[in-house]
């Protein structure tokens, strides 16, 4: 499972010109579910995400977590994070989980986040044509792969 995490001042996702998820200060998280991902991948990444200390404290050091700053999460599924561009010019997505499996793990991942944060997580709509907009803060972007975290 792969995540792209961006600190944002504002982020929203629209489907058919209707806002389906929106936050102010917090993380926009793009979520890619791979073919061999499990609930364990979701749990490891949710725990890491909620506890990352990447917001600045009063001294300007990245020392505060999402909970420390009262931030929110907008989670958007994005199978294209699993693109394999190693051959030819067109990406292959054979390592992405099948849609039904990916959606189940995406839902589970968001429920893990909600449990840890003790508040709702905003989301896009799985499989929909989504328009995502944001005001990036920093910009500050982190990439996480559950396979890297589980190895350690």
N, C-alpha and C. Protein backbone atom coordinates (compact mmCIF):
# COMPACT_ATOMS: atom_id res chain seq x y z
N UNK A 1 0.86 -1.16 0.00
CA UNK A 1 0.00 0.00 0.00
C UNK A 1 0.90 1.22 0.00
N UNK A 2 0.54 2.18 -0.82
CA UNK A 2 1.36 3.38 -0.94
C UNK A 2 0.51 4.61 -0.63
N UNK A 3 1.15 5.57 0.03
CA UNK A 3 0.50 6.84 0.36
C UNK A 3 1.36 7.99 -0.14
N UNK A 4 0.68 9.02 -0.64
CA UNK A 4 1.30 10.32 -0.87
C UNK A 4 0.59 11.25 0.10
N UNK A 5 1.35 11.85 1.00
CA UNK A 5 0.80 12.70 2.05
C UNK A 5 1.24 14.14 1.80
N UNK A 6 0.29 15.04 1.72
CA UNK A 6 0.61 16.45 1.52
C UNK A 6 -0.02 17.26 2.65
N UNK A 7 0.77 18.11 3.26
CA UNK A 7 0.21 19.04 4.24
C UNK A 7 -0.51 20.13 3.45
N UNK A 8 -1.76 20.38 3.84
CA UNK A 8 -2.57 21.36 3.13
C UNK A 8 -3.21 22.35 4.09
N UNK A 9 -3.48 23.54 3.56
CA UNK A 9 -4.29 24.51 4.29
C UNK A 9 -5.76 24.30 3.97
N UNK A 10 -6.03 23.85 2.74
CA UNK A 10 -7.39 23.54 2.27
C UNK A 10 -7.26 22.46 1.22
N UNK A 11 -8.20 21.50 1.23
CA UNK A 11 -8.26 20.50 0.16
C UNK A 11 -9.71 20.06 0.02
N UNK A 12 -10.08 19.75 -1.23
CA UNK A 12 -11.43 19.22 -1.46
C UNK A 12 -11.41 18.31 -2.66
N UNK A 13 -12.39 17.44 -2.72
CA UNK A 13 -12.56 16.55 -3.86
C UNK A 13 -14.01 16.67 -4.32
N UNK A 14 -14.15 16.81 -5.64
CA UNK A 14 -15.47 16.94 -6.26
C UNK A 14 -15.72 15.77 -7.20
N UNK A 15 -16.98 15.36 -7.25
CA UNK A 15 -17.45 14.37 -8.21
C UNK A 15 -18.70 14.97 -8.86
N UNK A 16 -18.71 15.04 -10.17
CA UNK A 16 -19.84 15.65 -10.90
C UNK A 16 -20.16 17.06 -10.39
N UNK A 17 -19.10 17.83 -10.15
CA UNK A 17 -19.21 19.23 -9.71
C UNK A 17 -19.82 19.40 -8.32
N UNK A 18 -19.89 18.31 -7.55
CA UNK A 18 -20.38 18.35 -6.17
C UNK A 18 -19.23 18.00 -5.23
N UNK A 19 -19.03 18.81 -4.19
CA UNK A 19 -17.99 18.51 -3.21
C UNK A 19 -18.42 17.31 -2.38
N UNK A 20 -17.58 16.28 -2.37
CA UNK A 20 -17.89 15.07 -1.60
C UNK A 20 -17.01 14.94 -0.36
N UNK A 21 -15.92 15.69 -0.31
CA UNK A 21 -15.03 15.69 0.85
C UNK A 21 -14.22 16.97 0.85
N UNK A 22 -14.03 17.54 2.04
CA UNK A 22 -13.26 18.78 2.14
C UNK A 22 -12.69 18.92 3.55
N UNK A 23 -11.50 19.50 3.63
CA UNK A 23 -10.88 19.80 4.92
C UNK A 23 -10.21 21.17 4.85
N UNK A 24 -9.89 21.65 6.03
CA UNK A 24 -8.99 22.80 6.11
C UNK A 24 -7.63 22.24 6.51
N UNK A 25 -7.00 22.72 7.54
CA UNK A 25 -5.65 22.31 7.90
C UNK A 25 -5.56 20.80 8.12
N UNK A 26 -4.59 20.17 7.47
CA UNK A 26 -4.39 18.74 7.67
C UNK A 26 -3.65 18.10 6.53
N UNK A 27 -4.02 16.84 6.25
CA UNK A 27 -3.37 16.05 5.21
C UNK A 27 -4.34 15.72 4.09
N UNK A 28 -3.88 15.91 2.86
CA UNK A 28 -4.50 15.28 1.71
C UNK A 28 -3.69 14.00 1.52
N UNK A 29 -4.36 12.85 1.54
CA UNK A 29 -3.67 11.57 1.44
C UNK A 29 -4.18 10.83 0.21
N UNK A 30 -3.29 10.57 -0.73
CA UNK A 30 -3.60 9.75 -1.89
C UNK A 30 -3.23 8.32 -1.53
N UNK A 31 -4.17 7.38 -1.74
CA UNK A 31 -4.02 6.01 -1.26
C UNK A 31 -4.03 5.04 -2.44
N UNK A 32 -2.96 4.29 -2.59
CA UNK A 32 -2.87 3.25 -3.62
C UNK A 32 -2.78 1.88 -2.97
N UNK A 33 -3.70 0.99 -3.34
CA UNK A 33 -3.75 -0.35 -2.75
C UNK A 33 -3.18 -1.34 -3.76
N UNK A 34 -2.18 -2.11 -3.31
CA UNK A 34 -1.52 -3.08 -4.17
C UNK A 34 -2.12 -4.47 -4.08
N UNK A 35 -1.73 -5.31 -5.03
CA UNK A 35 -2.29 -6.65 -5.17
C UNK A 35 -2.07 -7.55 -3.96
N UNK A 36 -1.01 -7.35 -3.20
CA UNK A 36 -0.72 -8.21 -2.05
C UNK A 36 -0.96 -7.51 -0.71
N UNK A 37 -1.62 -6.37 -0.72
CA UNK A 37 -1.85 -5.64 0.51
C UNK A 37 -2.93 -6.32 1.36
N UNK A 38 -2.80 -6.13 2.68
CA UNK A 38 -3.72 -6.75 3.64
C UNK A 38 -4.15 -5.69 4.66
N UNK A 39 -4.98 -6.11 5.58
CA UNK A 39 -5.40 -5.21 6.66
C UNK A 39 -4.20 -4.76 7.48
N UNK A 40 -3.19 -5.59 7.59
CA UNK A 40 -1.98 -5.23 8.32
C UNK A 40 -1.30 -4.00 7.70
N UNK A 41 -1.28 -3.94 6.36
CA UNK A 41 -0.71 -2.77 5.67
C UNK A 41 -1.48 -1.51 6.06
N UNK A 42 -2.80 -1.63 6.09
CA UNK A 42 -3.66 -0.49 6.46
C UNK A 42 -3.35 -0.02 7.87
N UNK A 43 -3.25 -0.95 8.79
CA UNK A 43 -3.01 -0.62 10.20
C UNK A 43 -1.66 0.05 10.40
N UNK A 44 -0.63 -0.50 9.76
CA UNK A 44 0.72 0.06 9.90
C UNK A 44 0.75 1.49 9.35
N UNK A 45 0.18 1.70 8.17
CA UNK A 45 0.21 3.03 7.56
C UNK A 45 -0.66 4.03 8.32
N UNK A 46 -1.82 3.59 8.79
CA UNK A 46 -2.69 4.49 9.55
C UNK A 46 -1.98 4.96 10.82
N UNK A 47 -1.34 4.05 11.51
CA UNK A 47 -0.63 4.40 12.74
C UNK A 47 0.53 5.35 12.45
N UNK A 48 1.28 5.07 11.41
CA UNK A 48 2.40 5.93 11.04
C UNK A 48 1.90 7.32 10.65
N UNK A 49 0.85 7.37 9.84
CA UNK A 49 0.31 8.65 9.36
C UNK A 49 -0.17 9.54 10.49
N UNK A 50 -0.94 8.97 11.39
CA UNK A 50 -1.51 9.76 12.49
C UNK A 50 -0.42 10.27 13.43
N UNK A 51 0.67 9.52 13.55
CA UNK A 51 1.72 9.90 14.50
C UNK A 51 2.92 10.61 13.89
N UNK A 52 2.92 10.80 12.57
CA UNK A 52 4.01 11.56 11.95
C UNK A 52 4.11 12.95 12.57
N UNK A 53 5.30 13.37 12.88
CA UNK A 53 5.51 14.71 13.43
C UNK A 53 6.12 15.58 12.34
N UNK A 54 5.23 16.13 11.47
CA UNK A 54 5.72 16.90 10.33
C UNK A 54 5.15 18.32 10.28
N UNK A 55 4.37 18.70 11.29
CA UNK A 55 3.92 20.08 11.39
C UNK A 55 4.91 20.86 12.24
N UNK A 56 5.08 22.13 11.90
CA UNK A 56 6.04 22.97 12.63
C UNK A 56 5.53 23.35 14.00
N UNK A 57 6.46 23.37 14.96
CA UNK A 57 6.15 23.89 16.29
C UNK A 57 6.48 25.39 16.31
N UNK A 58 6.40 26.01 17.48
CA UNK A 58 6.63 27.45 17.57
C UNK A 58 8.07 27.85 17.23
N UNK A 59 9.00 26.89 17.28
CA UNK A 59 10.39 27.15 16.94
C UNK A 59 10.69 26.87 15.47
N UNK A 60 9.66 26.49 14.71
CA UNK A 60 9.84 26.21 13.29
C UNK A 60 10.37 24.82 12.99
N UNK A 61 10.40 23.95 13.99
CA UNK A 61 10.88 22.57 13.81
C UNK A 61 9.70 21.66 13.50
N UNK A 62 9.90 20.69 12.60
CA UNK A 62 8.83 19.73 12.33
C UNK A 62 8.77 18.77 13.51
N UNK A 63 7.86 19.08 14.43
CA UNK A 63 7.82 18.40 15.71
C UNK A 63 6.41 18.06 16.18
N UNK A 64 5.39 18.44 15.40
CA UNK A 64 4.01 18.24 15.85
C UNK A 64 3.27 17.28 14.93
N UNK A 65 2.40 16.48 15.52
CA UNK A 65 1.60 15.53 14.76
C UNK A 65 0.28 16.18 14.32
N UNK A 66 -0.44 15.46 13.51
CA UNK A 66 -1.76 15.91 13.06
C UNK A 66 -2.67 16.17 14.25
N UNK A 67 -2.63 15.29 15.23
CA UNK A 67 -3.46 15.47 16.42
C UNK A 67 -3.03 16.69 17.23
N UNK A 68 -1.72 16.94 17.29
CA UNK A 68 -1.22 18.10 18.04
C UNK A 68 -1.76 19.41 17.49
N UNK A 69 -1.98 19.47 16.16
CA UNK A 69 -2.44 20.70 15.54
C UNK A 69 -3.95 20.69 15.26
N UNK A 70 -4.63 19.62 15.66
CA UNK A 70 -6.07 19.53 15.43
C UNK A 70 -6.44 19.42 13.95
N UNK A 71 -5.57 18.80 13.17
CA UNK A 71 -5.80 18.71 11.73
C UNK A 71 -6.74 17.59 11.32
N UNK A 72 -7.14 17.62 10.07
CA UNK A 72 -8.05 16.63 9.50
C UNK A 72 -7.38 15.91 8.35
N UNK A 73 -8.05 14.86 7.86
CA UNK A 73 -7.54 14.09 6.73
C UNK A 73 -8.61 14.02 5.64
N UNK A 74 -8.16 14.26 4.41
CA UNK A 74 -8.95 13.98 3.21
C UNK A 74 -8.23 12.84 2.50
N UNK A 75 -8.87 11.68 2.45
CA UNK A 75 -8.30 10.47 1.88
C UNK A 75 -8.93 10.21 0.52
N UNK A 76 -8.07 10.04 -0.50
CA UNK A 76 -8.55 9.85 -1.87
C UNK A 76 -7.87 8.62 -2.46
N UNK A 77 -8.67 7.66 -2.92
CA UNK A 77 -8.10 6.46 -3.53
C UNK A 77 -7.47 6.81 -4.87
N UNK A 78 -6.30 6.21 -5.14
CA UNK A 78 -5.62 6.50 -6.39
C UNK A 78 -4.77 5.30 -6.80
N UNK A 79 -5.36 4.41 -7.59
CA UNK A 79 -4.66 3.19 -8.00
C UNK A 79 -3.42 3.49 -8.84
N UNK A 80 -3.35 4.67 -9.43
CA UNK A 80 -2.21 5.00 -10.29
C UNK A 80 -0.89 5.09 -9.51
N UNK A 81 -0.95 5.11 -8.19
CA UNK A 81 0.28 5.09 -7.39
C UNK A 81 1.01 3.76 -7.56
N UNK A 82 0.31 2.75 -8.07
CA UNK A 82 0.91 1.44 -8.28
C UNK A 82 1.41 1.25 -9.71
N UNK A 83 1.50 2.33 -10.46
CA UNK A 83 1.94 2.25 -11.85
C UNK A 83 3.35 1.68 -11.95
N UNK A 84 3.53 0.80 -12.91
CA UNK A 84 4.85 0.28 -13.24
C UNK A 84 5.23 0.89 -14.59
N UNK A 85 6.22 1.74 -14.57
CA UNK A 85 6.66 2.44 -15.80
C UNK A 85 8.00 1.91 -16.29
N UNK A 86 8.37 0.71 -15.86
CA UNK A 86 9.70 0.19 -16.20
C UNK A 86 9.82 -0.33 -17.62
N UNK A 87 8.69 -0.58 -18.28
CA UNK A 87 8.73 -1.10 -19.65
C UNK A 87 7.89 -0.23 -20.57
N UNK A 88 8.41 0.11 -21.71
CA UNK A 88 7.65 0.87 -22.70
C UNK A 88 7.30 2.27 -22.23
N UNK A 89 6.28 2.83 -22.85
CA UNK A 89 5.89 4.21 -22.57
C UNK A 89 4.53 4.34 -21.90
N UNK A 90 3.82 3.24 -21.82
CA UNK A 90 2.50 3.27 -21.18
C UNK A 90 2.59 2.53 -19.84
N UNK A 91 2.16 3.15 -18.75
CA UNK A 91 2.23 2.49 -17.44
C UNK A 91 1.36 1.23 -17.39
N UNK A 92 1.83 0.29 -16.63
CA UNK A 92 1.07 -0.93 -16.35
C UNK A 92 0.55 -0.84 -14.93
N UNK A 93 -0.65 -1.32 -14.71
CA UNK A 93 -1.24 -1.28 -13.37
C UNK A 93 -1.50 -2.68 -12.84
N UNK A 94 -0.72 -3.66 -13.31
CA UNK A 94 -0.96 -5.04 -12.91
C UNK A 94 -0.68 -5.29 -11.43
N UNK A 95 0.03 -4.39 -10.78
CA UNK A 95 0.34 -4.57 -9.36
C UNK A 95 -0.70 -3.90 -8.45
N UNK A 96 -1.66 -3.21 -9.04
CA UNK A 96 -2.75 -2.63 -8.25
C UNK A 96 -3.73 -3.74 -7.90
N UNK A 97 -4.32 -3.64 -6.73
CA UNK A 97 -5.32 -4.63 -6.31
C UNK A 97 -6.56 -4.52 -7.20
N UNK A 98 -7.27 -5.64 -7.39
CA UNK A 98 -8.54 -5.58 -8.12
C UNK A 98 -9.49 -4.62 -7.41
N UNK A 99 -10.35 -3.92 -8.15
CA UNK A 99 -11.19 -2.87 -7.56
C UNK A 99 -11.98 -3.27 -6.30
N UNK A 100 -12.62 -4.41 -6.31
CA UNK A 100 -13.42 -4.80 -5.14
C UNK A 100 -12.55 -4.97 -3.89
N UNK A 101 -11.40 -5.60 -4.06
CA UNK A 101 -10.45 -5.79 -2.96
C UNK A 101 -9.85 -4.46 -2.52
N UNK A 102 -9.48 -3.63 -3.49
CA UNK A 102 -8.88 -2.32 -3.17
C UNK A 102 -9.86 -1.45 -2.41
N UNK A 103 -11.12 -1.44 -2.82
CA UNK A 103 -12.12 -0.63 -2.15
C UNK A 103 -12.31 -1.09 -0.71
N UNK A 104 -12.35 -2.40 -0.48
CA UNK A 104 -12.52 -2.92 0.88
C UNK A 104 -11.36 -2.48 1.77
N UNK A 105 -10.14 -2.54 1.24
CA UNK A 105 -8.98 -2.11 2.04
C UNK A 105 -8.94 -0.60 2.22
N UNK A 106 -9.36 0.14 1.21
CA UNK A 106 -9.44 1.61 1.32
C UNK A 106 -10.43 1.99 2.43
N UNK A 107 -11.57 1.34 2.46
CA UNK A 107 -12.56 1.60 3.51
C UNK A 107 -11.98 1.23 4.88
N UNK A 108 -11.31 0.10 4.95
CA UNK A 108 -10.72 -0.33 6.21
C UNK A 108 -9.64 0.65 6.67
N UNK A 109 -8.79 1.09 5.75
CA UNK A 109 -7.75 2.07 6.08
C UNK A 109 -8.37 3.33 6.68
N UNK A 110 -9.43 3.84 6.05
CA UNK A 110 -10.09 5.05 6.55
C UNK A 110 -10.71 4.81 7.92
N UNK A 111 -11.24 3.62 8.15
CA UNK A 111 -11.82 3.32 9.47
C UNK A 111 -10.71 3.25 10.53
N UNK A 112 -9.53 2.74 10.16
CA UNK A 112 -8.39 2.74 11.09
C UNK A 112 -8.00 4.17 11.47
N UNK A 113 -7.97 5.05 10.46
CA UNK A 113 -7.65 6.46 10.73
C UNK A 113 -8.68 7.07 11.67
N UNK A 114 -9.96 6.82 11.41
CA UNK A 114 -11.02 7.38 12.25
C UNK A 114 -10.92 6.89 13.69
N UNK A 115 -10.57 5.62 13.85
CA UNK A 115 -10.40 5.08 15.19
C UNK A 115 -9.26 5.77 15.92
N UNK A 116 -8.15 5.94 15.24
CA UNK A 116 -6.99 6.57 15.86
C UNK A 116 -7.21 8.05 16.15
N UNK A 117 -7.88 8.74 15.23
CA UNK A 117 -8.11 10.18 15.38
C UNK A 117 -9.32 10.51 16.25
N UNK A 118 -10.22 9.55 16.38
CA UNK A 118 -11.47 9.76 17.11
C UNK A 118 -12.33 10.84 16.48
N UNK A 119 -12.31 10.89 15.14
CA UNK A 119 -13.16 11.80 14.39
C UNK A 119 -13.24 11.32 12.95
N UNK A 120 -14.23 11.81 12.20
CA UNK A 120 -14.40 11.35 10.82
C UNK A 120 -13.25 11.78 9.91
N UNK A 121 -13.01 10.95 8.90
CA UNK A 121 -12.06 11.24 7.84
C UNK A 121 -12.89 11.56 6.60
N UNK A 122 -12.53 12.62 5.92
CA UNK A 122 -13.20 12.98 4.67
C UNK A 122 -12.62 12.11 3.55
N UNK A 123 -13.46 11.76 2.59
CA UNK A 123 -12.99 10.88 1.51
C UNK A 123 -13.53 11.32 0.16
N UNK A 124 -12.90 10.78 -0.87
CA UNK A 124 -13.45 10.87 -2.21
C UNK A 124 -14.40 9.70 -2.40
N UNK A 125 -14.74 9.40 -3.64
CA UNK A 125 -15.60 8.26 -3.96
C UNK A 125 -14.77 7.28 -4.77
N UNK A 126 -14.59 6.09 -4.25
CA UNK A 126 -13.76 5.09 -4.89
C UNK A 126 -14.23 4.84 -6.32
N UNK A 127 -13.29 4.90 -7.25
CA UNK A 127 -13.56 4.60 -8.65
C UNK A 127 -14.21 5.71 -9.45
N UNK A 128 -14.56 6.81 -8.79
CA UNK A 128 -15.21 7.92 -9.49
C UNK A 128 -14.17 8.78 -10.20
N UNK A 129 -14.63 9.56 -11.16
CA UNK A 129 -13.80 10.58 -11.80
C UNK A 129 -13.80 11.78 -10.85
N UNK A 130 -12.72 11.96 -10.13
CA UNK A 130 -12.66 12.98 -9.08
C UNK A 130 -11.79 14.15 -9.51
N UNK A 131 -12.17 15.32 -9.05
CA UNK A 131 -11.37 16.54 -9.23
C UNK A 131 -10.90 16.94 -7.83
N UNK A 132 -9.59 16.91 -7.65
CA UNK A 132 -9.02 17.22 -6.35
C UNK A 132 -8.33 18.57 -6.43
N UNK A 133 -8.63 19.44 -5.49
CA UNK A 133 -7.94 20.73 -5.43
C UNK A 133 -7.39 20.94 -4.03
N UNK A 134 -6.30 21.69 -3.95
CA UNK A 134 -5.66 21.89 -2.66
C UNK A 134 -4.83 23.15 -2.66
N UNK A 135 -4.62 23.65 -1.48
CA UNK A 135 -3.60 24.67 -1.24
C UNK A 135 -2.57 23.98 -0.37
N UNK A 136 -1.44 23.68 -1.01
CA UNK A 136 -0.36 22.96 -0.37
C UNK A 136 0.34 23.89 0.62
N UNK A 137 0.73 23.38 1.77
CA UNK A 137 1.45 24.16 2.76
C UNK A 137 2.90 23.69 2.73
N UNK A 138 3.79 24.56 2.33
CA UNK A 138 5.20 24.22 2.31
C UNK A 138 5.85 24.49 0.96
N UNK A 139 5.64 23.67 -0.01
CA UNK A 139 4.94 22.38 0.01
C UNK A 139 5.71 21.34 0.82
N UNK A 140 4.94 20.49 1.45
CA UNK A 140 5.52 19.42 2.28
C UNK A 140 4.80 18.15 1.87
N UNK A 141 5.55 17.24 1.22
CA UNK A 141 4.99 16.01 0.70
C UNK A 141 5.85 14.83 1.14
N UNK A 142 5.19 13.78 1.62
CA UNK A 142 5.87 12.57 2.10
C UNK A 142 5.30 11.37 1.35
N UNK A 143 6.17 10.42 1.00
CA UNK A 143 5.73 9.17 0.39
C UNK A 143 5.93 8.06 1.41
N UNK A 144 4.90 7.22 1.59
CA UNK A 144 5.03 6.07 2.49
C UNK A 144 4.60 4.82 1.73
N UNK A 145 5.34 3.74 1.95
CA UNK A 145 5.01 2.44 1.38
C UNK A 145 4.99 1.45 2.53
N UNK A 146 3.87 0.77 2.72
CA UNK A 146 3.75 -0.15 3.85
C UNK A 146 4.82 -1.25 3.79
N UNK A 147 5.22 -1.64 2.61
CA UNK A 147 6.24 -2.70 2.49
C UNK A 147 7.57 -2.25 3.12
N UNK A 148 7.89 -0.97 3.00
CA UNK A 148 9.12 -0.45 3.62
C UNK A 148 9.00 -0.44 5.13
N UNK A 149 7.82 -0.15 5.66
CA UNK A 149 7.62 -0.05 7.11
C UNK A 149 7.53 -1.43 7.75
N UNK A 150 6.91 -2.37 7.08
CA UNK A 150 6.72 -3.71 7.66
C UNK A 150 8.03 -4.46 7.71
N UNK A 151 8.95 -4.22 6.79
CA UNK A 151 10.26 -4.87 6.78
C UNK A 151 11.05 -4.57 8.04
N UNK A 152 10.86 -3.35 8.59
CA UNK A 152 11.72 -2.88 9.68
C UNK A 152 11.26 -3.32 11.01
